[in-house]
Amino acid sequence: VKGRFTISRDNGKNTVYLQINSMKPEDTAVYYCAARANYGLGL
């Protein structure tokens, strides 16, 4: 997804976003948001 997807957050709104551009049929899926009880991201 690199180059097509962008993740961002607005902590003032308690919201995370995923911008998806140039969509492909292979992107068809259920998309899940997840939170980690840590300051650093996980993969």
PDB file of all heavy atoms in Angstrom:
ATOM      1  N   VAL A   1       0.809  -1.217   0.000  1.00  0.00           N
ATOM      2  CA  VAL A   1       0.000   0.000   0.000  1.00  0.00           C
ATOM      3  C   VAL A   1       0.842   1.266   0.000  1.00  0.00           C
ATOM      4  O   VAL A   1       0.285   2.371  -0.117  1.00  0.00           O
ATOM      5  CB  VAL A   1      -0.967   0.029   1.202  1.00  0.00           C
ATOM      6  CG1 VAL A   1      -1.799  -1.244   1.241  1.00  0.00           C
ATOM      7  CG2 VAL A   1      -0.217   0.219   2.509  1.00  0.00           C
ATOM      8  N   LYS A   2       2.132   1.140   0.114  1.00  0.00           N
ATOM      9  CA  LYS A   2       3.012   2.300   0.203  1.00  0.00           C
ATOM     10  C   LYS A   2       2.873   3.178  -1.045  1.00  0.00           C
ATOM     11  O   LYS A   2       2.900   2.691  -2.171  1.00  0.00           O
ATOM     12  CB  LYS A   2       4.456   1.834   0.382  1.00  0.00           C
ATOM     13  CG  LYS A   2       5.415   2.895   0.868  1.00  0.00           C
ATOM     14  CD  LYS A   2       6.772   2.271   1.215  1.00  0.00           C
ATOM     15  CE  LYS A   2       6.651   1.233   2.306  1.00  0.00           C
ATOM     16  NZ  LYS A   2       7.963   0.648   2.674  1.00  0.00           N
ATOM     17  N   GLY A   3       2.715   4.467  -0.817  1.00  0.00           N
ATOM     18  CA  GLY A   3       2.531   5.408  -1.905  1.00  0.00           C
ATOM     19  C   GLY A   3       1.090   5.683  -2.252  1.00  0.00           C
ATOM     20  O   GLY A   3       0.800   6.689  -2.919  1.00  0.00           O
ATOM     21  N   ARG A   4       0.172   4.826  -1.835  1.00  0.00           N
ATOM     22  CA  ARG A   4      -1.251   5.013  -2.106  1.00  0.00           C
ATOM     23  C   ARG A   4      -2.058   5.302  -0.849  1.00  0.00           C
ATOM     24  O   ARG A   4      -3.076   5.982  -0.923  1.00  0.00           O
ATOM     25  CB  ARG A   4      -1.839   3.780  -2.792  1.00  0.00           C
ATOM     26  CG  ARG A   4      -1.228   3.471  -4.143  1.00  0.00           C
ATOM     27  CD  ARG A   4      -2.001   2.364  -4.857  1.00  0.00           C
ATOM     28  NE  ARG A   4      -1.989   1.120  -4.102  1.00  0.00           N
ATOM     29  CZ  ARG A   4      -3.077   0.530  -3.591  1.00  0.00           C
ATOM     30  NH1 ARG A   4      -4.274   1.086  -3.757  1.00  0.00           N
ATOM     31  NH2 ARG A   4      -2.972  -0.613  -2.932  1.00  0.00           N
ATOM     32  N   PHE A   5      -1.608   4.770   0.286  1.00  0.00           N
ATOM     33  CA  PHE A   5      -2.327   4.915   1.548  1.00  0.00           C
ATOM     34  C   PHE A   5      -1.600   5.914   2.438  1.00  0.00           C
ATOM     35  O   PHE A   5      -0.363   5.974   2.443  1.00  0.00           O
ATOM     36  CB  PHE A   5      -2.404   3.579   2.293  1.00  0.00           C
ATOM     37  CG  PHE A   5      -3.350   2.563   1.716  1.00  0.00           C
ATOM     38  CD1 PHE A   5      -3.600   2.496   0.354  1.00  0.00           C
ATOM     39  CD2 PHE A   5      -3.986   1.658   2.553  1.00  0.00           C
ATOM     40  CE1 PHE A   5      -4.458   1.556  -0.175  1.00  0.00           C
ATOM     41  CE2 PHE A   5      -4.845   0.710   2.040  1.00  0.00           C
ATOM     42  CZ  PHE A   5      -5.085   0.649   0.678  1.00  0.00           C
ATOM     43  N   THR A   6      -2.367   6.672   3.215  1.00  0.00           N
ATOM     44  CA  THR A   6      -1.811   7.597   4.184  1.00  0.00           C
ATOM     45  C   THR A   6      -2.580   7.488   5.490  1.00  0.00           C
ATOM     46  O   THR A   6      -3.799   7.639   5.506  1.00  0.00           O
ATOM     47  CB  THR A   6      -1.867   9.045   3.684  1.00  0.00           C
ATOM     48  OG1 THR A   6      -1.171   9.162   2.442  1.00  0.00           O
ATOM     49  CG2 THR A   6      -1.209   9.974   4.700  1.00  0.00           C
ATOM     50  N   ILE A   7      -1.861   7.218   6.571  1.00  0.00           N
ATOM     51  CA  ILE A   7      -2.469   7.189   7.892  1.00  0.00           C
ATOM     52  C   ILE A   7      -2.183   8.518   8.584  1.00  0.00           C
ATOM     53  O   ILE A   7      -1.091   9.076   8.460  1.00  0.00           O
ATOM     54  CB  ILE A   7      -1.948   6.000   8.725  1.00  0.00           C
ATOM     55  CG1 ILE A   7      -2.705   5.891  10.057  1.00  0.00           C
ATOM     56  CG2 ILE A   7      -0.448   6.097   8.961  1.00  0.00           C
ATOM     57  CD1 ILE A   7      -2.392   4.616  10.833  1.00  0.00           C
ATOM     58  N   SER A   8      -3.163   9.025   9.310  1.00  0.00           N
ATOM     59  CA  SER A   8      -3.003  10.264  10.050  1.00  0.00           C
ATOM     60  C   SER A   8      -3.881  10.214  11.291  1.00  0.00           C
ATOM     61  O   SER A   8      -4.739   9.338  11.425  1.00  0.00           O
ATOM     62  CB  SER A   8      -3.353  11.476   9.177  1.00  0.00           C
ATOM     63  OG  SER A   8      -4.698  11.420   8.749  1.00  0.00           O
ATOM     64  N   ARG A   9      -3.662  11.156  12.190  1.00  0.00           N
ATOM     65  CA  ARG A   9      -4.475  11.197  13.400  1.00  0.00           C
ATOM     66  C   ARG A   9      -4.696  12.629  13.841  1.00  0.00           C
ATOM     67  O   ARG A   9      -3.883  13.523  13.583  1.00  0.00           O
ATOM     68  CB  ARG A   9      -3.830  10.376  14.525  1.00  0.00           C
ATOM     69  CG  ARG A   9      -2.539  10.949  15.083  1.00  0.00           C
ATOM     70  CD  ARG A   9      -1.855   9.951  16.008  1.00  0.00           C
ATOM     71  NE  ARG A   9      -2.666   9.639  17.178  1.00  0.00           N
ATOM     72  CZ  ARG A   9      -2.483   8.583  17.969  1.00  0.00           C
ATOM     73  NH1 ARG A   9      -1.510   7.716  17.688  1.00  0.00           N
ATOM     74  NH2 ARG A   9      -3.274   8.393  19.013  1.00  0.00           N
ATOM     75  N   ASP A  10      -5.813  12.830  14.531  1.00  0.00           N
ATOM     76  CA  ASP A  10      -6.151  14.106  15.126  1.00  0.00           C
ATOM     77  C   ASP A  10      -6.484  13.816  16.577  1.00  0.00           C
ATOM     78  O   ASP A  10      -7.594  13.381  16.891  1.00  0.00           O
ATOM     79  CB  ASP A  10      -7.326  14.752  14.397  1.00  0.00           C
ATOM     80  CG  ASP A  10      -7.629  16.148  14.902  1.00  0.00           C
ATOM     81  OD1 ASP A  10      -7.258  16.472  16.045  1.00  0.00           O
ATOM     82  OD2 ASP A  10      -8.242  16.927  14.147  1.00  0.00           O
ATOM     83  N   ASN A  11      -5.522  14.032  17.451  1.00  0.00           N
ATOM     84  CA  ASN A  11      -5.723  13.691  18.854  1.00  0.00           C
ATOM     85  C   ASN A  11      -6.775  14.570  19.515  1.00  0.00           C
ATOM     86  O   ASN A  11      -7.410  14.155  20.484  1.00  0.00           O
ATOM     87  CB  ASN A  11      -4.399  13.790  19.613  1.00  0.00           C
ATOM     88  CG  ASN A  11      -3.448  12.667  19.266  1.00  0.00           C
ATOM     89  OD1 ASN A  11      -3.843  11.661  18.678  1.00  0.00           O
ATOM     90  ND2 ASN A  11      -2.181  12.823  19.633  1.00  0.00           N
ATOM     91  N   GLY A  12      -6.962  15.780  19.003  1.00  0.00           N
ATOM     92  CA  GLY A  12      -8.009  16.634  19.524  1.00  0.00           C
ATOM     93  C   GLY A  12      -9.401  16.101  19.260  1.00  0.00           C
ATOM     94  O   GLY A  12     -10.339  16.403  20.001  1.00  0.00           O
ATOM     95  N   LYS A  13      -9.562  15.300  18.198  1.00  0.00           N
ATOM     96  CA  LYS A  13     -10.838  14.695  17.845  1.00  0.00           C
ATOM     97  C   LYS A  13     -10.904  13.216  18.183  1.00  0.00           C
ATOM     98  O   LYS A  13     -11.906  12.566  17.885  1.00  0.00           O
ATOM     99  CB  LYS A  13     -11.118  14.875  16.354  1.00  0.00           C
ATOM    100  CG  LYS A  13     -11.241  16.318  15.915  1.00  0.00           C
ATOM    101  CD  LYS A  13     -11.540  16.406  14.424  1.00  0.00           C
ATOM    102  CE  LYS A  13     -11.698  17.842  13.980  1.00  0.00           C
ATOM    103  NZ  LYS A  13     -11.965  17.939  12.523  1.00  0.00           N
ATOM    104  N   ASN A  14      -9.861  12.679  18.788  1.00  0.00           N
ATOM    105  CA  ASN A  14      -9.801  11.248  19.106  1.00  0.00           C
ATOM    106  C   ASN A  14     -10.095  10.393  17.876  1.00  0.00           C
ATOM    107  O   ASN A  14     -10.854   9.423  17.934  1.00  0.00           O
ATOM    108  CB  ASN A  14     -10.786  10.904  20.220  1.00  0.00           C
ATOM    109  CG  ASN A  14     -10.241  11.204  21.604  1.00  0.00           C
ATOM    110  OD1 ASN A  14      -9.247  11.914  21.756  1.00  0.00           O
ATOM    111  ND2 ASN A  14     -10.893  10.672  22.620  1.00  0.00           N
ATOM    112  N   THR A  15      -9.475  10.740  16.765  1.00  0.00           N
ATOM    113  CA  THR A  15      -9.785  10.085  15.499  1.00  0.00           C
ATOM    114  C   THR A  15      -8.515   9.768  14.724  1.00  0.00           C
ATOM    115  O   THR A  15      -7.579  10.576  14.694  1.00  0.00           O
ATOM    116  CB  THR A  15     -10.704  10.962  14.636  1.00  0.00           C
ATOM    117  OG1 THR A  15     -11.909  11.242  15.365  1.00  0.00           O
ATOM    118  CG2 THR A  15     -11.071  10.251  13.342  1.00  0.00           C
ATOM    119  N   VAL A  16      -8.503   8.593  14.102  1.00  0.00           N
ATOM    120  CA  VAL A  16      -7.446   8.171  13.192  1.00  0.00           C
ATOM    121  C   VAL A  16      -8.058   7.987  11.813  1.00  0.00           C
ATOM    122  O   VAL A  16      -9.191   7.504  11.695  1.00  0.00           O
ATOM    123  CB  VAL A  16      -6.784   6.869  13.671  1.00  0.00           C
ATOM    124  CG1 VAL A  16      -5.727   6.401  12.675  1.00  0.00           C
ATOM    125  CG2 VAL A  16      -6.153   7.071  15.038  1.00  0.00           C
ATOM    126  N   TYR A  17      -7.311   8.339  10.786  1.00  0.00           N
ATOM    127  CA  TYR A  17      -7.802   8.265   9.414  1.00  0.00           C
ATOM    128  C   TYR A  17      -6.905   7.378   8.567  1.00  0.00           C
ATOM    129  O   TYR A  17      -5.709   7.235   8.827  1.00  0.00           O
ATOM    130  CB  TYR A  17      -7.848   9.656   8.781  1.00  0.00           C
ATOM    131  CG  TYR A  17      -8.652  10.661   9.554  1.00  0.00           C
ATOM    132  CD1 TYR A  17      -8.028  11.547  10.431  1.00  0.00           C
ATOM    133  CD2 TYR A  17     -10.026  10.732   9.412  1.00  0.00           C
ATOM    134  CE1 TYR A  17      -8.756  12.473  11.144  1.00  0.00           C
ATOM    135  CE2 TYR A  17     -10.767  11.656  10.124  1.00  0.00           C
ATOM    136  CZ  TYR A  17     -10.130  12.523  10.987  1.00  0.00           C
ATOM    137  OH  TYR A  17     -10.863  13.444  11.694  1.00  0.00           O
ATOM    138  N   LEU A  18      -7.498   6.816   7.536  1.00  0.00           N
ATOM    139  CA  LEU A  18      -6.738   6.112   6.516  1.00  0.00           C
ATOM    140  C   LEU A  18      -7.221   6.598   5.157  1.00  0.00           C
ATOM    141  O   LEU A  18      -8.336   6.277   4.738  1.00  0.00           O
ATOM    142  CB  LEU A  18      -6.908   4.597   6.620  1.00  0.00           C
ATOM    143  CG  LEU A  18      -6.046   3.778   5.655  1.00  0.00           C
ATOM    144  CD1 LEU A  18      -4.569   3.901   6.012  1.00  0.00           C
ATOM    145  CD2 LEU A  18      -6.465   2.316   5.643  1.00  0.00           C
ATOM    146  N   GLN A  19      -6.395   7.382   4.499  1.00  0.00           N
ATOM    147  CA  GLN A  19      -6.687   7.854   3.154  1.00  0.00           C
ATOM    148  C   GLN A  19      -6.208   6.820   2.158  1.00  0.00           C
ATOM    149  O   GLN A  19      -5.043   6.430   2.171  1.00  0.00           O
ATOM    150  CB  GLN A  19      -5.993   9.190   2.893  1.00  0.00           C
ATOM    151  CG  GLN A  19      -6.200   9.752   1.501  1.00  0.00           C
ATOM    152  CD  GLN A  19      -7.609  10.239   1.272  1.00  0.00           C
ATOM    153  OE1 GLN A  19      -8.206  10.841   2.147  1.00  0.00           O
ATOM    154  NE2 GLN A  19      -8.150   9.965   0.091  1.00  0.00           N
ATOM    155  N   ILE A  20      -7.102   6.373   1.294  1.00  0.00           N
ATOM    156  CA  ILE A  20      -6.789   5.353   0.308  1.00  0.00           C
ATOM    157  C   ILE A  20      -6.994   5.961  -1.076  1.00  0.00           C
ATOM    158  O   ILE A  20      -8.109   6.348  -1.429  1.00  0.00           O
ATOM    159  CB  ILE A  20      -7.663   4.102   0.458  1.00  0.00           C
ATOM    160  CG1 ILE A  20      -7.667   3.617   1.911  1.00  0.00           C
ATOM    161  CG2 ILE A  20      -7.184   3.003  -0.475  1.00  0.00           C
ATOM    162  CD1 ILE A  20      -8.612   2.457   2.164  1.00  0.00           C
ATOM    163  N   ASN A  21      -5.936   6.032  -1.859  1.00  0.00           N
ATOM    164  CA  ASN A  21      -5.995   6.589  -3.208  1.00  0.00           C
ATOM    165  C   ASN A  21      -5.663   5.517  -4.238  1.00  0.00           C
ATOM    166  O   ASN A  21      -5.078   4.485  -3.923  1.00  0.00           O
ATOM    167  CB  ASN A  21      -5.019   7.750  -3.352  1.00  0.00           C
ATOM    168  CG  ASN A  21      -5.360   8.926  -2.473  1.00  0.00           C
ATOM    169  OD1 ASN A  21      -6.530   9.195  -2.205  1.00  0.00           O
ATOM    170  ND2 ASN A  21      -4.334   9.652  -2.028  1.00  0.00           N
ATOM    171  N   SER A  22      -6.027   5.789  -5.481  1.00  0.00           N
ATOM    172  CA  SER A  22      -5.738   4.877  -6.592  1.00  0.00           C
ATOM    173  C   SER A  22      -6.131   3.450  -6.242  1.00  0.00           C
ATOM    174  O   SER A  22      -5.342   2.518  -6.365  1.00  0.00           O
ATOM    175  CB  SER A  22      -4.254   4.959  -6.960  1.00  0.00           C
ATOM    176  OG  SER A  22      -3.890   6.271  -7.326  1.00  0.00           O
ATOM    177  N   MET A  23      -7.356   3.280  -5.828  1.00  0.00           N
ATOM    178  CA  MET A  23      -7.796   2.005  -5.290  1.00  0.00           C
ATOM    179  C   MET A  23      -7.801   0.908  -6.351  1.00  0.00           C
ATOM    180  O   MET A  23      -8.085   1.151  -7.524  1.00  0.00           O
ATOM    181  CB  MET A  23      -9.183   2.147  -4.669  1.00  0.00           C
ATOM    182  CG  MET A  23      -9.213   3.164  -3.539  1.00  0.00           C
ATOM    183  SD  MET A  23     -10.747   3.132  -2.579  1.00  0.00           S
ATOM    184  CE  MET A  23     -10.518   1.610  -1.655  1.00  0.00           C
ATOM    185  N   LYS A  24      -7.474  -0.285  -5.888  1.00  0.00           N
ATOM    186  CA  LYS A  24      -7.415  -1.469  -6.730  1.00  0.00           C
ATOM    187  C   LYS A  24      -8.391  -2.517  -6.207  1.00  0.00           C
ATOM    188  O   LYS A  24      -8.702  -2.530  -5.018  1.00  0.00           O
ATOM    189  CB  LYS A  24      -6.000  -2.060  -6.726  1.00  0.00           C
ATOM    190  CG  LYS A  24      -4.906  -1.095  -7.129  1.00  0.00           C
ATOM    191  CD  LYS A  24      -3.539  -1.746  -6.984  1.00  0.00           C
ATOM    192  CE  LYS A  24      -2.430  -0.802  -7.376  1.00  0.00           C
ATOM    193  NZ  LYS A  24      -1.094  -1.442  -7.219  1.00  0.00           N
ATOM    194  N   PRO A  25      -8.863  -3.413  -7.075  1.00  0.00           N
ATOM    195  CA  PRO A  25      -9.726  -4.492  -6.595  1.00  0.00           C
ATOM    196  C   PRO A  25      -9.092  -5.310  -5.475  1.00  0.00           C
ATOM    197  O   PRO A  25      -9.814  -5.811  -4.605  1.00  0.00           O
ATOM    198  CB  PRO A  25      -9.951  -5.343  -7.843  1.00  0.00           C
ATOM    199  CG  PRO A  25      -9.834  -4.373  -8.974  1.00  0.00           C
ATOM    200  CD  PRO A  25      -8.754  -3.410  -8.547  1.00  0.00           C
ATOM    201  N   GLU A  26      -7.778  -5.427  -5.471  1.00  0.00           N
ATOM    202  CA  GLU A  26      -7.080  -6.157  -4.424  1.00  0.00           C
ATOM    203  C   GLU A  26      -7.194  -5.497  -3.051  1.00  0.00           C
ATOM    204  O   GLU A  26      -6.870  -6.123  -2.041  1.00  0.00           O
ATOM    205  CB  GLU A  26      -5.593  -6.302  -4.768  1.00  0.00           C
ATOM    206  CG  GLU A  26      -5.338  -6.928  -6.128  1.00  0.00           C
ATOM    207  CD  GLU A  26      -5.217  -5.884  -7.224  1.00  0.00           C
ATOM    208  OE1 GLU A  26      -4.089  -5.398  -7.452  1.00  0.00           O
ATOM    209  OE2 GLU A  26      -6.255  -5.559  -7.851  1.00  0.00           O
ATOM    210  N   ASP A  27      -7.635  -4.249  -3.007  1.00  0.00           N
ATOM    211  CA  ASP A  27      -7.838  -3.559  -1.734  1.00  0.00           C
ATOM    212  C   ASP A  27      -9.150  -3.947  -1.065  1.00  0.00           C
ATOM    213  O   ASP A  27      -9.399  -3.540   0.070  1.00  0.00           O
ATOM    214  CB  ASP A  27      -7.814  -2.046  -1.930  1.00  0.00           C
ATOM    215  CG  ASP A  27      -6.464  -1.531  -2.393  1.00  0.00           C
ATOM    216  OD1 ASP A  27      -5.431  -2.073  -1.941  1.00  0.00           O
ATOM    217  OD2 ASP A  27      -6.438  -0.582  -3.197  1.00  0.00           O
ATOM    218  N   THR A  28      -9.985  -4.693  -1.748  1.00  0.00           N
ATOM    219  CA  THR A  28     -11.252  -5.123  -1.173  1.00  0.00           C
ATOM    220  C   THR A  28     -11.005  -5.961   0.070  1.00  0.00           C
ATOM    221  O   THR A  28     -10.300  -6.971   0.027  1.00  0.00           O
ATOM    222  CB  THR A  28     -12.064  -5.925  -2.196  1.00  0.00           C
ATOM    223  OG1 THR A  28     -12.418  -5.081  -3.295  1.00  0.00           O
ATOM    224  CG2 THR A  28     -13.329  -6.488  -1.567  1.00  0.00           C
ATOM    225  N   ALA A  29     -11.577  -5.529   1.191  1.00  0.00           N
ATOM    226  CA  ALA A  29     -11.356  -6.201   2.468  1.00  0.00           C
ATOM    227  C   ALA A  29     -12.181  -5.510   3.539  1.00  0.00           C
ATOM    228  O   ALA A  29     -12.727  -4.424   3.318  1.00  0.00           O
ATOM    229  CB  ALA A  29      -9.874  -6.164   2.859  1.00  0.00           C
ATOM    230  N   VAL A  30     -12.249  -6.141   4.691  1.00  0.00           N
ATOM    231  CA  VAL A  30     -12.730  -5.466   5.885  1.00  0.00           C
ATOM    232  C   VAL A  30     -11.525  -4.802   6.540  1.00  0.00           C
ATOM    233  O   VAL A  30     -10.514  -5.461   6.794  1.00  0.00           O
ATOM    234  CB  VAL A  30     -13.415  -6.438   6.860  1.00  0.00           C
ATOM    235  CG1 VAL A  30     -13.823  -5.710   8.135  1.00  0.00           C
ATOM    236  CG2 VAL A  30     -14.629  -7.079   6.205  1.00  0.00           C
ATOM    237  N   TYR A  31     -11.639  -3.523   6.808  1.00  0.00           N
ATOM    238  CA  TYR A  31     -10.546  -2.758   7.395  1.00  0.00           C
ATOM    239  C   TYR A  31     -10.813  -2.540   8.874  1.00  0.00           C
ATOM    240  O   TYR A  31     -11.898  -2.102   9.263  1.00  0.00           O
ATOM    241  CB  TYR A  31     -10.386  -1.417   6.681  1.00  0.00           C
ATOM    242  CG  TYR A  31      -9.712  -1.550   5.341  1.00  0.00           C
ATOM    243  CD1 TYR A  31     -10.378  -2.129   4.268  1.00  0.00           C
ATOM    244  CD2 TYR A  31      -8.398  -1.119   5.155  1.00  0.00           C
ATOM    245  CE1 TYR A  31      -9.752  -2.282   3.040  1.00  0.00           C
ATOM    246  CE2 TYR A  31      -7.769  -1.256   3.934  1.00  0.00           C
ATOM    247  CZ  TYR A  31      -8.449  -1.843   2.872  1.00  0.00           C
ATOM    248  OH  TYR A  31      -7.821  -1.978   1.658  1.00  0.00           O
ATOM    249  N   TYR A  32      -9.806  -2.838   9.687  1.00  0.00           N
ATOM    250  CA  TYR A  32      -9.917  -2.758  11.136  1.00  0.00           C
ATOM    251  C   TYR A  32      -8.973  -1.702  11.690  1.00  0.00           C
ATOM    252  O   TYR A  32      -7.806  -1.620  11.291  1.00  0.00           O
ATOM    253  CB  TYR A  32      -9.568  -4.093  11.787  1.00  0.00           C
ATOM    254  CG  TYR A  32     -10.493  -5.227  11.432  1.00  0.00           C
ATOM    255  CD1 TYR A  32     -10.227  -6.050  10.349  1.00  0.00           C
ATOM    256  CD2 TYR A  32     -11.629  -5.472  12.195  1.00  0.00           C
ATOM    257  CE1 TYR A  32     -11.073  -7.096  10.024  1.00  0.00           C
ATOM    258  CE2 TYR A  32     -12.476  -6.520  11.875  1.00  0.00           C
ATOM    259  CZ  TYR A  32     -12.191  -7.328  10.793  1.00  0.00           C
ATOM    260  OH  TYR A  32     -13.031  -8.367  10.476  1.00  0.00           O
ATOM    261  N   CYS A  33      -9.475  -0.937  12.617  1.00  0.00           N
ATOM    262  CA  CYS A  33      -8.680  -0.001  13.383  1.00  0.00           C
ATOM    263  C   CYS A  33      -8.257  -0.670  14.683  1.00  0.00           C
ATOM    264  O   CYS A  33      -9.027  -1.420  15.286  1.00  0.00           O
ATOM    265  CB  CYS A  33      -9.505   1.255  13.661  1.00  0.00           C
ATOM    266  SG  CYS A  33      -8.718   2.490  14.703  1.00  0.00           S
ATOM    267  N   ALA A  34      -7.032  -0.409  15.125  1.00  0.00           N
ATOM    268  CA  ALA A  34      -6.519  -1.011  16.348  1.00  0.00           C
ATOM    269  C   ALA A  34      -5.717   0.005  17.144  1.00  0.00           C
ATOM    270  O   ALA A  34      -5.100   0.906  16.574  1.00  0.00           O
ATOM    271  CB  ALA A  34      -5.649  -2.228  16.022  1.00  0.00           C
ATOM    272  N   ALA A  35      -5.731  -0.163  18.455  1.00  0.00           N
ATOM    273  CA  ALA A  35      -5.000   0.708  19.360  1.00  0.00           C
ATOM    274  C   ALA A  35      -4.014  -0.105  20.179  1.00  0.00           C
ATOM    275  O   ALA A  35      -4.328  -1.212  20.625  1.00  0.00           O
ATOM    276  CB  ALA A  35      -5.960   1.456  20.285  1.00  0.00           C
ATOM    277  N   ARG A  36      -2.840   0.455  20.373  1.00  0.00           N
ATOM    278  CA  ARG A  36      -1.793  -0.175  21.164  1.00  0.00           C
ATOM    279  C   ARG A  36      -1.495   0.677  22.383  1.00  0.00           C
ATOM    280  O   ARG A  36      -1.268   1.884  22.249  1.00  0.00           O
ATOM    281  CB  ARG A  36      -0.528  -0.348  20.322  1.00  0.00           C
ATOM    282  CG  ARG A  36       0.587  -1.102  21.028  1.00  0.00           C
ATOM    283  CD  ARG A  36       1.853  -1.098  20.206  1.00  0.00           C
ATOM    284  NE  ARG A  36       2.897  -1.913  20.819  1.00  0.00           N
ATOM    285  CZ  ARG A  36       4.193  -1.736  20.650  1.00  0.00           C
ATOM    286  NH1 ARG A  36       4.626  -0.746  19.867  1.00  0.00           N
ATOM    287  NH2 ARG A  36       5.057  -2.533  21.255  1.00  0.00           N
ATOM    288  N   ALA A  37      -1.487   0.057  23.550  1.00  0.00           N
ATOM    289  CA  ALA A  37      -1.210   0.775  24.791  1.00  0.00           C
ATOM    290  C   ALA A  37       0.295   1.020  24.932  1.00  0.00           C
ATOM    291  O   ALA A  37       0.949   0.508  25.844  1.00  0.00           O
ATOM    292  CB  ALA A  37      -1.748   0.009  25.987  1.00  0.00           C
ATOM    293  N   ASN A  38       0.807   1.785  23.987  1.00  0.00           N
ATOM    294  CA  ASN A  38       2.215   2.104  23.946  1.00  0.00           C
ATOM    295  C   ASN A  38       2.385   3.336  23.074  1.00  0.00           C
ATOM    296  O   ASN A  38       1.609   3.557  22.152  1.00  0.00           O
ATOM    297  CB  ASN A  38       3.028   0.930  23.376  1.00  0.00           C
ATOM    298  CG  ASN A  38       4.516   1.074  23.587  1.00  0.00           C
ATOM    299  OD1 ASN A  38       5.175   1.848  22.894  1.00  0.00           O
ATOM    300  ND2 ASN A  38       5.054   0.333  24.540  1.00  0.00           N
ATOM    301  N   TYR A  39       3.399   4.122  23.346  1.00  0.00           N
ATOM    302  CA  TYR A  39       3.643   5.323  22.555  1.00  0.00           C
ATOM    303  C   TYR A  39       4.122   5.011  21.146  1.00  0.00           C
ATOM    304  O   TYR A  39       3.831   5.773  20.212  1.00  0.00           O
ATOM    305  CB  TYR A  39       4.673   6.215  23.241  1.00  0.00           C
ATOM    306  CG  TYR A  39       4.278   6.680  24.610  1.00  0.00           C
ATOM    307  CD1 TYR A  39       4.796   6.091  25.754  1.00  0.00           C
ATOM    308  CD2 TYR A  39       3.376   7.739  24.761  1.00  0.00           C
ATOM    309  CE1 TYR A  39       4.429   6.530  27.015  1.00  0.00           C
ATOM    310  CE2 TYR A  39       3.010   8.181  26.015  1.00  0.00           C
ATOM    311  CZ  TYR A  39       3.533   7.582  27.133  1.00  0.00           C
ATOM    312  OH  TYR A  39       3.174   8.021  28.387  1.00  0.00           O
ATOM    313  N   GLY A  40       4.851   3.926  20.989  1.00  0.00           N
ATOM    314  CA  GLY A  40       5.427   3.566  19.704  1.00  0.00           C
ATOM    315  C   GLY A  40       4.544   2.632  18.902  1.00  0.00           C
ATOM    316  O   GLY A  40       3.832   1.795  19.451  1.00  0.00           O
ATOM    317  N   LEU A  41       4.598   2.762  17.584  1.00  0.00           N
ATOM    318  CA  LEU A  41       3.766   1.945  16.710  1.00  0.00           C
ATOM    319  C   LEU A  41       4.222   0.489  16.695  1.00  0.00           C
ATOM    320  O   LEU A  41       5.364   0.163  17.009  1.00  0.00           O
ATOM    321  CB  LEU A  41       3.766   2.524  15.293  1.00  0.00           C
ATOM    322  CG  LEU A  41       5.096   2.673  14.557  1.00  0.00           C
ATOM    323  CD1 LEU A  41       5.530   1.354  13.910  1.00  0.00           C
ATOM    324  CD2 LEU A  41       4.977   3.756  13.503  1.00  0.00           C
ATOM    325  N   GLY A  42       3.297  -0.384  16.319  1.00  0.00           N
ATOM    326  CA  GLY A  42       3.596  -1.794  16.154  1.00  0.00           C
ATOM    327  C   GLY A  42       3.217  -2.242  14.760  1.00  0.00           C
ATOM    328  O   GLY A  42       2.357  -1.641  14.103  1.00  0.00           O
ATOM    329  N   LEU A  43       3.859  -3.297  14.280  1.00  0.00           N
ATOM    330  CA  LEU A  43       3.638  -3.808  12.932  1.00  0.00           C
ATOM    331  C   LEU A  43       2.881  -5.129  12.899  1.00  0.00           C
ATOM    332  O   LEU A  43       2.535  -5.596  11.820  1.00  0.00           O
ATOM    333  CB  LEU A  43       4.978  -3.991  12.215  1.00  0.00           C
ATOM    334  CG  LEU A  43       5.889  -2.754  12.143  1.00  0.00           C
ATOM    335  CD1 LEU A  43       7.166  -3.090  11.379  1.00  0.00           C
ATOM    336  CD2 LEU A  43       5.179  -1.579  11.505  1.00  0.00           C
TER     337      LEU A  43
END
